[in-house]
C-alpha atoms as a PDB file:
ATOM      1  CA  MET A   1     261.918 224.448 171.914  1.00  0.00           C
ATOM      2  CA  LEU A   2     260.725 228.042 171.902  1.00  0.00           C
ATOM      3  CA  GLY A   3     261.381 228.344 175.642  1.00  0.00           C
ATOM      4  CA  LYS A   4     264.987 227.270 175.144  1.00  0.00           C
ATOM      5  CA  LEU A   5     265.397 229.884 172.413  1.00  0.00           C
ATOM      6  CA  PHE A   6     264.098 232.661 174.684  1.00  0.00           C
ATOM      7  CA  LYS A   7     266.353 231.466 177.501  1.00  0.00           C
ATOM      8  CA  LEU A   8     269.373 231.515 175.153  1.00  0.00           C
ATOM      9  CA  LEU A   9     268.514 235.013 173.901  1.00  0.00           C
ATOM     10  CA  PHE A  10     268.089 236.230 177.470  1.00  0.00           C
ATOM     11  CA  ILE A  11     271.449 234.799 178.516  1.00  0.00           C
ATOM     12  CA  LEU A  12     273.146 236.343 175.459  1.00  0.00           C
ATOM     13  CA  ALA A  13     271.586 239.724 176.266  1.00  0.00           C
ATOM     14  CA  ILE A  14     272.869 239.539 179.857  1.00  0.00           C
ATOM     15  CA  ILE A  15     276.371 238.574 178.668  1.00  0.00           C
ATOM     16  CA  GLY A  16     276.313 241.396 176.123  1.00  0.00           C
ATOM     17  CA  PHE A  17     275.257 243.919 178.768  1.00  0.00           C
ATOM     18  CA  ILE A  18     278.021 242.784 181.120  1.00  0.00           C
ATOM     19  CA  GLY A  19     280.532 243.023 178.270  1.00  0.00           C
ATOM     20  CA  LEU A  20     279.374 246.526 177.355  1.00  0.00           C
ATOM     21  CA  VAL A  21     279.623 247.745 180.955  1.00  0.00           C
ATOM     22  CA  GLY A  22     283.036 246.123 181.323  1.00  0.00           C
ATOM     23  CA  PHE A  23     284.273 247.766 178.126  1.00  0.00           C
ATOM     24  CA  ALA A  24     283.015 251.153 179.335  1.00  0.00           C
ATOM     25  CA  TYR A  25     285.078 250.783 182.510  1.00  0.00           C
ATOM     26  CA  VAL A  26     288.202 249.244 180.960  1.00  0.00           C
ATOM     27  CA  GLY A  27     288.213 251.191 177.666  1.00  0.00           C
ATOM     28  CA  PRO A  28     289.913 254.358 178.993  1.00  0.00           C
ATOM     29  CA  GLU A  29     292.629 252.189 180.564  1.00  0.00           C
ATOM     30  CA  LEU A  30     293.309 250.725 177.121  1.00  0.00           C
ATOM     31  CA  GLY A  31     293.656 254.178 175.544  1.00  0.00           C
ATOM     32  CA  ILE A  32     290.195 254.322 173.997  1.00  0.00           C
ATOM     33  CA  ASP A  33     288.677 257.793 174.412  1.00  0.00           C
ATOM     34  CA  PHE A  34     284.878 257.956 174.424  1.00  0.00           C
ATOM     35  CA  ALA A  35     284.666 261.773 174.542  1.00  0.00           C
ATOM     36  CA  PRO A  36     283.425 263.508 171.382  1.00  0.00           C
ATOM     37  CA  ALA A  37     285.620 266.058 169.637  1.00  0.00           C
ATOM     38  CA  ALA A  38     284.971 269.470 171.206  1.00  0.00           C
ATOM     39  CA  GLN A  39     284.247 272.437 168.984  1.00  0.00           C
ATOM     40  CA  GLU A  40     282.727 275.818 169.671  1.00  0.00           C
ATOM     41  CA  ILE A  41     279.535 276.681 167.812  1.00  0.00           C
ATOM     42  CA  ARG A  42     278.209 280.237 167.755  1.00  0.00           C
ATOM     43  CA  MET A  43     274.806 281.068 166.316  1.00  0.00           C
ATOM     44  CA  PRO A  44     273.185 284.510 166.304  1.00  0.00           C
ATOM     45  CA  VAL A  45     269.824 284.628 168.088  1.00  0.00           C
ATOM     46  CA  THR A  46     267.126 287.226 167.461  1.00  0.00           C
ATOM     47  CA  LEU A  47     264.722 287.647 170.375  1.00  0.00           C
ATOM     48  CA  GLN A  48     261.204 288.975 169.871  1.00  0.00           C
ATOM     49  CA  GLY A  49     259.850 291.556 172.273  1.00  0.00           C
ATOM     50  CA  GLN A  50     260.323 295.039 173.617  1.00  0.00           C
END
């Protein structure tokens, strides 16, 4: 019984991984943009020395 459960979980993990990879490839074709919003961040830096 426990072996069947592990086998089922393994198969579900493989199917989930294949689905995730497929979505990563097909997503941009469907208009889904995975890129984060770009913004410029400036922070002053004080260096020690000299």
